[in-house]
């Protein structure tokens, strides 16, 4: 192997180790938002509309920019 190939492989191993030890690289707040989204959708499809509306409003409150459009749509569907 050449020296360049060895460096590339070492960098890949280092990156994989860092991801394994440090998590997936996704911020904790993003994981919490994913859980909130999942919960809100589940409540809606279980026809628990009042609870789903509250869950979607919580998602909308934490959303920014374009991400705030989808929760607004779902709040309207729960009404």
C-alpha atoms as a PDB file:
ATOM      1  CA  UNK A   1       0.000   0.000   0.000  1.00  0.00           C
ATOM      2  CA  UNK A   2       1.075   3.496  -0.594  1.00  0.00           C
ATOM      3  CA  UNK A   3       1.364   6.083   2.066  1.00  0.00           C
ATOM      4  CA  UNK A   4      -1.634   8.038   0.676  1.00  0.00           C
ATOM      5  CA  UNK A   5      -3.928   4.995   0.727  1.00  0.00           C
ATOM      6  CA  UNK A   6      -2.901   4.267   4.284  1.00  0.00           C
ATOM      7  CA  UNK A   7      -3.759   7.817   5.364  1.00  0.00           C
ATOM      8  CA  UNK A   8      -7.173   7.617   3.717  1.00  0.00           C
ATOM      9  CA  UNK A   9      -7.955   4.352   5.428  1.00  0.00           C
ATOM     10  CA  UNK A  10      -6.726   5.691   8.775  1.00  0.00           C
ATOM     11  CA  UNK A  11      -8.927   8.753   8.417  1.00  0.00           C
ATOM     12  CA  UNK A  12     -11.929   6.537   7.675  1.00  0.00           C
ATOM     13  CA  UNK A  13     -11.274   4.371  10.712  1.00  0.00           C
ATOM     14  CA  UNK A  14     -10.825   7.463  12.862  1.00  0.00           C
ATOM     15  CA  UNK A  15     -14.097   8.931  11.601  1.00  0.00           C
ATOM     16  CA  UNK A  16     -16.014   5.708  12.248  1.00  0.00           C
ATOM     17  CA  UNK A  17     -14.555   5.480  15.749  1.00  0.00           C
ATOM     18  CA  UNK A  18     -15.467   9.086  16.518  1.00  0.00           C
ATOM     19  CA  UNK A  19     -19.036   8.547  15.326  1.00  0.00           C
ATOM     20  CA  UNK A  20     -19.373   5.356  17.343  1.00  0.00           C
ATOM     21  CA  UNK A  21     -18.110   6.989  20.518  1.00  0.00           C
ATOM     22  CA  UNK A  22     -19.706  10.392  20.085  1.00  0.00           C
ATOM     23  CA  UNK A  23     -23.083   9.391  18.733  1.00  0.00           C
ATOM     24  CA  UNK A  24     -24.510   9.830  15.302  1.00  0.00           C
ATOM     25  CA  UNK A  25     -23.573  13.474  14.976  1.00  0.00           C
ATOM     26  CA  UNK A  26     -27.230  14.499  15.218  1.00  0.00           C
ATOM     27  CA  UNK A  27     -27.886  17.081  17.918  1.00  0.00           C
ATOM     28  CA  UNK A  28     -29.947  15.926  20.885  1.00  0.00           C
ATOM     29  CA  UNK A  29     -32.608  18.570  20.203  1.00  0.00           C
ATOM     30  CA  UNK A  30     -33.094  17.184  16.681  1.00  0.00           C
ATOM     31  CA  UNK A  31     -33.719  13.731  18.119  1.00  0.00           C
ATOM     32  CA  UNK A  32     -36.248  15.207  20.540  1.00  0.00           C
ATOM     33  CA  UNK A  33     -38.015  16.929  17.626  1.00  0.00           C
ATOM     34  CA  UNK A  34     -38.178  13.620  15.767  1.00  0.00           C
ATOM     35  CA  UNK A  35     -39.821  12.015  18.789  1.00  0.00           C
ATOM     36  CA  UNK A  36     -42.302  14.900  19.032  1.00  0.00           C
ATOM     37  CA  UNK A  37     -43.165  14.571  15.340  1.00  0.00           C
ATOM     38  CA  UNK A  38     -43.687  10.841  15.661  1.00  0.00           C
ATOM     39  CA  UNK A  39     -45.871  11.265  18.737  1.00  0.00           C
ATOM     40  CA  UNK A  40     -47.988  13.969  17.106  1.00  0.00           C
ATOM     41  CA  UNK A  41     -48.549  11.868  13.976  1.00  0.00           C
ATOM     42  CA  UNK A  42     -49.409   8.796  16.019  1.00  0.00           C
ATOM     43  CA  UNK A  43     -51.987  10.715  18.033  1.00  0.00           C
ATOM     44  CA  UNK A  44     -53.557  12.070  14.852  1.00  0.00           C
ATOM     45  CA  UNK A  45     -53.855   8.668  13.192  1.00  0.00           C
ATOM     46  CA  UNK A  46     -55.223   7.201  16.438  1.00  0.00           C
ATOM     47  CA  UNK A  47     -57.984   9.839  16.113  1.00  0.00           C
ATOM     48  CA  UNK A  48     -57.009  11.553  19.352  1.00  0.00           C
ATOM     49  CA  UNK A  49     -57.391  14.936  17.714  1.00  0.00           C
ATOM     50  CA  UNK A  50     -57.331  17.177  20.814  1.00  0.00           C
ATOM     51  CA  UNK A  51     -54.109  15.596  22.058  1.00  0.00           C
ATOM     52  CA  UNK A  52     -52.642  15.606  18.557  1.00  0.00           C
ATOM     53  CA  UNK A  53     -53.398  19.313  18.191  1.00  0.00           C
ATOM     54  CA  UNK A  54     -51.525  20.070  21.424  1.00  0.00           C
ATOM     55  CA  UNK A  55     -48.590  17.942  20.295  1.00  0.00           C
ATOM     56  CA  UNK A  56     -48.470  19.659  16.878  1.00  0.00           C
ATOM     57  CA  UNK A  57     -48.611  23.088  18.526  1.00  0.00           C
ATOM     58  CA  UNK A  58     -45.581  22.125  20.632  1.00  0.00           C
ATOM     59  CA  UNK A  59     -43.757  21.017  17.471  1.00  0.00           C
ATOM     60  CA  UNK A  60     -44.722  24.250  15.722  1.00  0.00           C
ATOM     61  CA  UNK A  61     -43.451  26.336  18.653  1.00  0.00           C
ATOM     62  CA  UNK A  62     -39.994  24.786  18.370  1.00  0.00           C
ATOM     63  CA  UNK A  63     -39.879  24.821  14.547  1.00  0.00           C
ATOM     64  CA  UNK A  64     -38.113  27.565  12.629  1.00  0.00           C
ATOM     65  CA  UNK A  65     -38.550  28.874   9.104  1.00  0.00           C
ATOM     66  CA  UNK A  66     -39.895  26.459   6.525  1.00  0.00           C
ATOM     67  CA  UNK A  67     -40.115  23.679   9.116  1.00  0.00           C
ATOM     68  CA  UNK A  68     -43.002  25.559  10.759  1.00  0.00           C
ATOM     69  CA  UNK A  69     -45.297  25.068   7.747  1.00  0.00           C
ATOM     70  CA  UNK A  70     -46.013  21.350   8.192  1.00  0.00           C
ATOM     71  CA  UNK A  71     -47.051  21.598  11.861  1.00  0.00           C
ATOM     72  CA  UNK A  72     -49.412  24.451  10.935  1.00  0.00           C
ATOM     73  CA  UNK A  73     -51.056  22.172   8.359  1.00  0.00           C
ATOM     74  CA  UNK A  74     -51.456  19.354  10.878  1.00  0.00           C
ATOM     75  CA  UNK A  75     -52.884  21.689  13.539  1.00  0.00           C
ATOM     76  CA  UNK A  76     -55.548  22.704  11.021  1.00  0.00           C
ATOM     77  CA  UNK A  77     -56.332  19.050  10.250  1.00  0.00           C
ATOM     78  CA  UNK A  78     -56.833  18.356  13.951  1.00  0.00           C
ATOM     79  CA  UNK A  79     -59.370  21.173  14.285  1.00  0.00           C
END
